[in-house]
Amino acid sequence: MIVPVTKPYLPKIEYYKEYIQEAFDREWLTNHGPLLVRLENQLKDHLKVKRLISVSNGTIALQLAYRALQLQGEVITTPFSYVATTSSLLWEGLTPVFADIDPVSWTILPQSIEALINKKTTAIVATHVFGIPCDVRAIEAIAKKYHLKVIYDAAHCFGVEYENQSILNWGDISTLSFHATKIFHTVEGGGVICHDPVLENIISQLGNFGHTSPTEFSLPGINGKLSEVHAAMGLAILPDVGKLIDYRKSIHATYDELLVDLPIEKPQLPTGVTRYNYAYYPVLFPTSESTIRVFEALKENGITSRRYFYPSLSKLEYLKHTNPTPIADNIASRVLCLPIFYELEKPTLERICALIKANI
């Protein structure tokens, strides 16, 4: 049997059918229906945020954030993230400038950010990698000093808290992904979190063709809406998120125990994290050769791991000129994410770790 690196959590089908039946009975499938309104309200309560706009996916969430803040020119960002963090900037006509990352947390390095700021810089786009918060206080200080906007790609951060508040409350805008592989999902989907009611209204209009009324349009928008069918999945899953996080925490503990004597590293949570979601289990091997050797050994035995994130985004072929990011390049060449999902059992974890020990 193939062991995936992750797999979607599915709620009890009868719970999902109850919500779908509501949509069928109303014959209201999209355009901000009652299920979506209910989901947005529940998410705001669960995540401890005041404003959340649901959208069709996490990449659209980023693009709406850039548009709403009217970004131009250069944006300083991280090379250690999923490709959407960079590609969304390019789609919006912005120039990504890569700052290097912290060798301990693997998040963007504030000192590297400040060294790259010039007259063309308008914003910082940072990723809370694997749900590990960036140095938000240092980034906030830099942004205030140079009058920059801050967007956090928080796709991995569902439920993460820093200093007893949601990590989503930092920056001008934070974005979430509700993709099927995330702890909480709506099959496809995403969210945009902001603090300013005026900005919230702009984001909502941008994601709904620019509508201010059925016959009025305030700006050139797109279709970024989430349907009732997707909202139904979210409503069915949200009550189970606590047990999903607890289960992943137990997997982390088992991996830690089984891999304790090996020459591998993990990213470290910064001081101040008061709630973590254990969404991924990334490990760093001694060399790129040992990383590939373990990856292939796992693959040959039906176990899927992922070189997440490889390559470093500063190495993308369609980017002509990028500044050096040696720390990110090094970590990207040696990282693997190991399988983690609900109901992954200890005997499988033991088999994974035995293969790692034999091939590292």
Protein backbone atom coordinates (compact mmCIF):
# COMPACT_ATOMS: atom_id res chain seq x y z
CA MET A 1 0.00 0.00 0.00
CA ILE A 2 1.31 3.45 -0.93
CA VAL A 3 1.79 5.82 2.02
CA PRO A 4 1.13 9.40 0.84
CA VAL A 5 2.98 12.38 2.29
CA THR A 6 -0.45 13.64 3.33
CA LYS A 7 -4.08 13.07 2.47
CA PRO A 8 -7.30 15.02 2.93
CA TYR A 9 -9.30 14.59 6.09
CA LEU A 10 -12.87 13.66 5.23
CA PRO A 11 -15.71 14.22 7.70
CA LYS A 12 -18.52 11.76 8.17
CA ILE A 13 -20.44 11.77 4.91
CA GLU A 14 -23.77 12.22 6.66
CA TYR A 15 -22.58 15.52 8.16
CA TYR A 16 -21.53 16.77 4.74
CA LYS A 17 -24.81 15.60 3.19
CA GLU A 18 -26.81 17.59 5.75
CA TYR A 19 -25.20 20.82 4.59
CA ILE A 20 -25.45 19.87 0.92
CA GLN A 21 -29.15 19.14 1.42
CA GLU A 22 -29.59 22.67 2.76
CA ALA A 23 -28.03 24.08 -0.39
CA PHE A 24 -30.23 21.85 -2.57
CA ASP A 25 -33.37 22.83 -0.68
CA ARG A 26 -32.57 26.54 -1.11
CA GLU A 27 -31.30 26.07 -4.68
CA TRP A 28 -28.58 28.54 -3.74
CA LEU A 29 -25.15 27.22 -4.74
CA THR A 30 -22.89 30.29 -4.93
CA ASN A 31 -22.80 34.11 -4.67
CA HIS A 32 -22.18 34.30 -0.92
CA GLY A 33 -24.94 32.00 0.20
CA PRO A 34 -26.08 31.22 3.77
CA LEU A 35 -23.64 28.33 4.25
CA LEU A 36 -20.70 30.53 3.32
CA VAL A 37 -21.85 33.31 5.63
CA ARG A 38 -22.13 30.75 8.44
CA LEU A 39 -18.67 29.37 7.70
CA GLU A 40 -17.04 32.80 7.62
CA ASN A 41 -18.58 33.68 10.99
CA GLN A 42 -17.46 30.39 12.54
CA LEU A 43 -13.95 30.81 11.14
CA LYS A 44 -13.67 34.32 12.59
CA ASP A 45 -14.62 32.96 16.02
CA HIS A 46 -12.34 29.93 15.74
CA LEU A 47 -9.32 31.89 14.50
CA LYS A 48 -9.87 34.92 16.75
CA VAL A 49 -9.92 37.42 13.89
CA LYS A 50 -12.39 40.24 13.21
CA ARG A 51 -12.43 40.20 9.42
CA LEU A 52 -12.14 37.23 7.08
CA ILE A 53 -13.12 37.14 3.40
CA SER A 54 -13.37 33.65 1.92
CA VAL A 55 -12.06 33.14 -1.61
CA SER A 56 -11.70 30.35 -4.14
CA ASN A 57 -8.08 29.43 -3.31
CA GLY A 58 -4.97 30.58 -1.50
CA THR A 59 -3.27 31.98 -4.59
CA ILE A 60 -6.23 34.23 -5.38
CA ALA A 61 -6.05 35.34 -1.75
CA LEU A 62 -2.50 36.59 -2.30
CA GLN A 63 -3.37 38.31 -5.58
CA LEU A 64 -6.33 40.09 -4.02
CA ALA A 65 -4.09 41.24 -1.17
CA TYR A 66 -1.58 42.80 -3.58
CA ARG A 67 -4.34 44.50 -5.58
CA ALA A 68 -6.15 45.80 -2.53
CA LEU A 69 -2.94 47.38 -1.20
CA GLN A 70 -2.14 48.79 -4.68
CA LEU A 71 1.39 47.42 -4.64
CA GLN A 72 3.85 48.44 -7.33
CA GLY A 73 7.53 47.97 -8.12
CA GLU A 74 9.62 45.64 -5.98
CA VAL A 75 8.42 43.38 -3.18
CA ILE A 76 10.86 41.72 -0.80
CA THR A 77 9.91 38.10 -0.22
CA THR A 78 11.25 34.71 0.79
CA PRO A 79 12.85 32.14 -1.52
CA PHE A 80 11.79 29.32 0.83
CA SER A 81 8.07 28.92 0.20
CA TYR A 82 5.70 27.29 -2.24
CA VAL A 83 5.98 28.69 -5.77
CA ALA A 84 2.61 30.48 -5.51
CA THR A 85 4.16 33.06 -3.20
CA THR A 86 6.40 34.19 -6.08
CA SER A 87 4.17 33.42 -9.08
CA SER A 88 1.32 35.47 -7.62
CA LEU A 89 3.64 38.48 -7.44
CA LEU A 90 4.66 38.03 -11.07
CA TRP A 91 1.03 37.69 -12.18
CA GLU A 92 0.34 41.07 -10.59
CA GLY A 93 3.26 42.70 -12.42
CA LEU A 94 5.42 42.96 -9.30
CA THR A 95 9.13 42.19 -9.04
CA PRO A 96 10.09 39.69 -6.32
CA VAL A 97 13.34 40.46 -4.52
CA PHE A 98 14.55 37.57 -2.39
CA ALA A 99 15.80 38.01 1.14
CA ASP A 100 17.60 35.08 2.74
CA ILE A 101 16.14 33.04 5.59
CA ASP A 102 16.93 32.37 9.21
CA PRO A 103 18.95 29.13 9.57
CA VAL A 104 17.04 28.18 12.74
CA SER A 105 13.37 28.91 11.96
CA TRP A 106 13.68 28.85 8.14
CA THR A 107 11.52 31.99 7.92
CA ILE A 108 12.58 35.23 6.23
CA LEU A 109 15.52 36.96 7.93
CA PRO A 110 14.73 40.57 8.98
CA GLN A 111 18.34 41.73 8.57
CA SER A 112 18.33 40.44 5.01
CA ILE A 113 15.07 42.32 4.32
CA GLU A 114 16.41 45.67 5.45
CA ALA A 115 19.58 45.34 3.36
CA LEU A 116 17.48 45.04 0.17
CA ILE A 117 15.14 48.01 0.61
CA ASN A 118 15.39 50.77 -1.99
CA LYS A 119 13.15 53.45 -3.56
CA LYS A 120 11.29 50.84 -5.62
CA THR A 121 10.35 48.70 -2.61
CA THR A 122 6.66 48.88 -1.67
CA ALA A 123 6.04 45.80 0.48
CA ILE A 124 7.27 42.73 2.29
CA VAL A 125 5.63 39.36 1.54
CA ALA A 126 6.73 36.85 4.16
CA THR A 127 5.72 33.21 4.66
CA HIS A 128 5.13 31.57 8.02
CA VAL A 129 6.88 28.43 6.76
CA PHE A 130 5.35 25.15 8.02
CA GLY A 131 3.23 27.30 10.34
CA ILE A 132 6.33 28.68 12.09
CA PRO A 133 5.80 32.40 12.72
CA CYS A 134 8.19 34.89 11.18
CA ASP A 135 9.89 37.44 13.41
CA VAL A 136 6.76 39.57 13.21
CA ARG A 137 7.94 42.26 15.60
CA ALA A 138 11.17 42.87 13.68
CA ILE A 139 9.30 42.91 10.37
CA GLU A 140 6.76 45.35 11.76
CA ALA A 141 9.55 47.68 12.89
CA ILE A 142 11.20 47.57 9.44
CA ALA A 143 7.87 48.21 7.70
CA LYS A 144 7.13 51.23 9.86
CA LYS A 145 10.64 52.61 9.38
CA TYR A 146 10.43 52.46 5.58
CA HIS A 147 6.65 52.89 5.15
CA LEU A 148 6.13 49.44 3.62
CA LYS A 149 3.06 47.21 3.50
CA VAL A 150 3.31 43.72 5.01
CA ILE A 151 1.50 40.65 3.68
CA TYR A 152 1.90 37.29 5.38
CA ASP A 153 1.42 34.12 3.37
CA ALA A 154 -0.09 32.14 6.24
CA ALA A 155 -1.24 29.17 4.17
CA HIS A 156 0.22 26.77 6.77
CA CYS A 157 -0.99 28.68 9.83
CA PHE A 158 -4.52 27.58 10.58
CA GLY A 159 -4.92 27.87 14.35
CA VAL A 160 -1.37 29.06 15.11
CA GLU A 161 -1.13 31.64 17.89
CA TYR A 162 1.70 33.97 18.86
CA GLU A 163 1.70 35.68 22.25
CA ASN A 164 -1.81 34.31 22.86
CA GLN A 165 -3.35 35.85 19.77
CA SER A 166 -3.82 34.63 16.23
CA ILE A 167 -0.71 34.95 14.09
CA LEU A 168 -3.15 36.16 11.41
CA ASN A 169 -3.56 39.47 13.22
CA TRP A 170 -0.05 40.63 12.25
CA GLY A 171 0.73 42.62 9.11
CA ASP A 172 -1.63 44.56 6.89
CA ILE A 173 -3.07 41.36 5.41
CA SER A 174 -2.66 37.63 6.04
CA THR A 175 -3.80 34.94 3.64
CA LEU A 176 -4.86 31.35 4.23
CA SER A 177 -5.21 28.29 2.05
CA PHE A 178 -8.13 25.90 2.52
CA HIS A 179 -6.73 23.38 0.04
CA ALA A 180 -7.60 19.72 0.58
CA THR A 181 -4.13 18.94 1.96
CA LYS A 182 -4.41 21.48 4.79
CA ILE A 183 -5.56 20.72 8.36
CA PHE A 184 -8.76 22.64 7.71
CA HIS A 185 -10.02 22.57 4.15
CA THR A 186 -12.94 23.29 1.85
CA VAL A 187 -11.51 21.05 -0.91
CA GLU A 188 -10.32 24.21 -2.67
CA GLY A 189 -10.48 27.60 -1.02
CA GLY A 190 -8.71 30.31 0.88
CA GLY A 191 -9.16 33.33 3.09
CA VAL A 192 -7.99 36.92 3.37
CA ILE A 193 -7.65 38.47 6.84
CA CYS A 194 -7.31 42.22 7.35
CA HIS A 195 -7.94 44.77 10.09
CA ASP A 196 -9.29 47.80 8.21
CA PRO A 197 -13.04 47.76 7.31
CA VAL A 198 -12.37 49.90 4.24
CA LEU A 199 -9.75 47.42 3.04
CA GLU A 200 -12.13 44.53 3.80
CA ASN A 201 -14.74 46.13 1.54
CA ILE A 202 -12.20 46.60 -1.28
CA ILE A 203 -11.07 42.96 -1.06
CA SER A 204 -14.68 41.76 -1.11
CA GLN A 205 -15.42 43.83 -4.21
CA LEU A 206 -12.20 42.77 -5.96
CA GLY A 207 -13.17 39.12 -5.49
CA ASN A 208 -16.71 39.63 -6.78
CA PHE A 209 -16.17 41.31 -10.16
CA GLY A 210 -16.07 44.76 -8.51
CA HIS A 211 -19.80 44.72 -7.69
CA THR A 212 -21.17 47.37 -5.36
CA SER A 213 -24.73 46.56 -6.44
CA PRO A 214 -26.25 44.30 -9.13
CA THR A 215 -25.72 47.05 -11.72
CA GLU A 216 -22.77 49.02 -10.32
CA PHE A 217 -19.06 48.22 -10.40
CA SER A 218 -16.51 50.24 -8.43
CA LEU A 219 -13.31 48.64 -9.71
CA PRO A 220 -12.04 45.92 -12.07
CA GLY A 221 -12.58 42.74 -10.08
CA ILE A 222 -12.36 39.01 -10.73
CA ASN A 223 -14.35 35.94 -9.74
CA GLY A 224 -12.77 34.79 -6.49
CA LYS A 225 -15.91 33.46 -4.79
CA LEU A 226 -16.23 30.27 -2.76
CA SER A 227 -19.34 28.15 -3.41
CA GLU A 228 -21.89 26.67 -1.01
CA VAL A 229 -20.62 23.19 -1.89
CA HIS A 230 -17.14 24.14 -0.68
CA ALA A 231 -18.55 25.91 2.38
CA ALA A 232 -20.45 22.73 3.29
CA MET A 233 -17.17 20.80 3.49
CA GLY A 234 -15.67 23.48 5.72
CA LEU A 235 -18.65 23.46 8.07
CA ALA A 236 -18.48 19.66 8.33
CA ILE A 237 -14.73 19.67 9.09
CA LEU A 238 -14.31 22.67 11.40
CA PRO A 239 -15.63 20.92 14.55
CA ASP A 240 -12.95 18.23 14.09
CA VAL A 241 -9.94 20.55 13.77
CA GLY A 242 -8.96 20.20 17.44
CA LYS A 243 -8.63 16.42 17.24
CA LEU A 244 -6.76 16.69 13.93
CA ILE A 245 -4.14 18.98 15.48
CA ASP A 246 -3.86 16.74 18.55
CA TYR A 247 -3.28 13.71 16.32
CA ARG A 248 -0.57 15.48 14.35
CA LYS A 249 1.07 16.53 17.59
CA SER A 250 1.26 12.86 18.58
CA ILE A 251 2.85 12.01 15.22
CA HIS A 252 5.47 14.71 15.81
CA ALA A 253 6.24 13.20 19.21
CA THR A 254 6.63 9.70 17.71
CA TYR A 255 8.92 10.92 14.93
CA ASP A 256 10.98 12.86 17.47
CA GLU A 257 11.38 9.72 19.57
CA LEU A 258 12.26 7.43 16.67
CA LEU A 259 14.71 9.83 15.00
CA VAL A 260 16.35 11.17 18.14
CA ASP A 261 19.86 9.79 17.53
CA LEU A 262 20.14 10.67 13.85
CA PRO A 263 22.15 13.61 12.42
CA ILE A 264 19.07 15.50 11.25
CA GLU A 265 17.72 18.94 12.12
CA LYS A 266 14.25 20.47 12.39
CA PRO A 267 13.17 24.10 12.19
CA GLN A 268 12.71 25.61 15.62
CA LEU A 269 9.66 27.50 16.89
CA PRO A 270 10.51 31.03 18.06
CA THR A 271 9.86 32.11 21.61
CA GLY A 272 6.34 33.43 21.91
CA VAL A 273 4.45 30.72 20.02
CA THR A 274 1.58 29.81 22.34
CA ARG A 275 -0.26 27.45 19.98
CA TYR A 276 1.17 25.44 17.12
CA ASN A 277 -0.70 23.27 14.59
CA TYR A 278 1.90 20.56 13.77
CA ALA A 279 0.82 20.70 10.13
CA TYR A 280 4.08 19.34 8.66
CA TYR A 281 7.08 17.29 9.74
CA PRO A 282 10.09 18.72 7.86
CA VAL A 283 13.60 17.38 8.49
CA LEU A 284 16.99 18.51 7.29
CA PHE A 285 19.56 15.86 6.31
CA PRO A 286 23.35 16.33 6.48
CA THR A 287 23.83 16.62 2.69
CA SER A 288 21.80 16.87 -0.48
CA GLU A 289 23.11 13.40 -1.40
CA SER A 290 21.74 11.85 1.80
CA THR A 291 18.44 13.66 1.25
CA ILE A 292 18.04 12.18 -2.22
CA ARG A 293 19.16 8.76 -1.00
CA VAL A 294 16.48 8.72 1.72
CA PHE A 295 13.86 10.12 -0.66
CA GLU A 296 14.52 7.33 -3.17
CA ALA A 297 14.63 4.60 -0.51
CA LEU A 298 11.26 5.69 0.84
CA LYS A 299 9.84 5.87 -2.67
CA GLU A 300 11.04 2.37 -3.50
CA ASN A 301 9.18 1.11 -0.45
CA GLY A 302 5.90 2.84 -1.30
CA ILE A 303 6.35 5.83 1.00
CA THR A 304 5.94 9.33 -0.38
CA SER A 305 8.00 12.16 1.06
CA ARG A 306 8.33 15.61 -0.44
CA ARG A 307 11.24 17.94 -1.12
CA TYR A 308 9.23 20.82 0.24
CA PHE A 309 10.47 23.45 -0.71
CA TYR A 310 12.84 22.60 -3.54
CA PRO A 311 14.16 24.32 -5.50
CA SER A 312 14.76 27.58 -3.73
CA LEU A 313 12.50 30.09 -5.51
CA SER A 314 15.47 32.30 -6.30
CA LYS A 315 16.54 29.51 -8.68
CA LEU A 316 13.38 29.51 -10.80
CA GLU A 317 14.33 29.43 -14.48
CA TYR A 318 11.92 32.17 -15.51
CA LEU A 319 13.49 34.68 -13.11
CA LYS A 320 16.40 36.29 -14.93
CA HIS A 321 18.12 38.12 -12.10
CA THR A 322 18.04 37.25 -8.40
CA ASN A 323 20.31 38.13 -5.53
CA PRO A 324 22.13 35.34 -3.67
CA THR A 325 20.29 33.45 -0.92
CA PRO A 326 22.85 30.88 0.28
CA ILE A 327 21.04 29.80 3.45
CA ALA A 328 17.77 29.15 1.63
CA ASP A 329 19.56 27.35 -1.20
CA ASN A 330 21.35 25.11 1.25
CA ILE A 331 18.25 24.22 3.27
CA ALA A 332 16.16 23.68 0.12
CA SER A 333 18.69 21.13 -1.11
CA ARG A 334 18.56 19.09 2.12
CA VAL A 335 14.94 19.21 3.30
CA LEU A 336 12.30 16.48 3.23
CA CYS A 337 8.75 16.57 4.56
CA LEU A 338 7.81 13.17 5.99
CA PRO A 339 4.30 11.68 5.88
CA ILE A 340 1.81 13.17 8.34
CA PHE A 341 -1.96 12.85 8.25
CA TYR A 342 -4.88 11.79 10.41
CA GLU A 343 -4.87 8.08 11.30
CA LEU A 344 -1.26 7.52 10.20
CA GLU A 345 -0.34 4.66 12.55
CA LYS A 346 2.78 4.01 14.62
CA PRO A 347 3.90 0.82 12.76
CA THR A 348 4.06 2.86 9.55
CA LEU A 349 6.03 5.59 11.34
CA GLU A 350 8.45 2.93 12.61
CA ARG A 351 8.90 1.60 9.08
CA ILE A 352 9.56 5.11 7.74
CA CYS A 353 12.15 5.81 10.41
CA ALA A 354 13.86 2.45 9.94
CA LEU A 355 14.31 3.24 6.25
CA ILE A 356 15.71 6.64 7.11
CA LYS A 357 18.21 5.11 9.55
CA ALA A 358 19.32 2.58 6.95
CA ASN A 359 19.88 5.14 4.20
CA ILE A 360 20.94 8.41 5.76
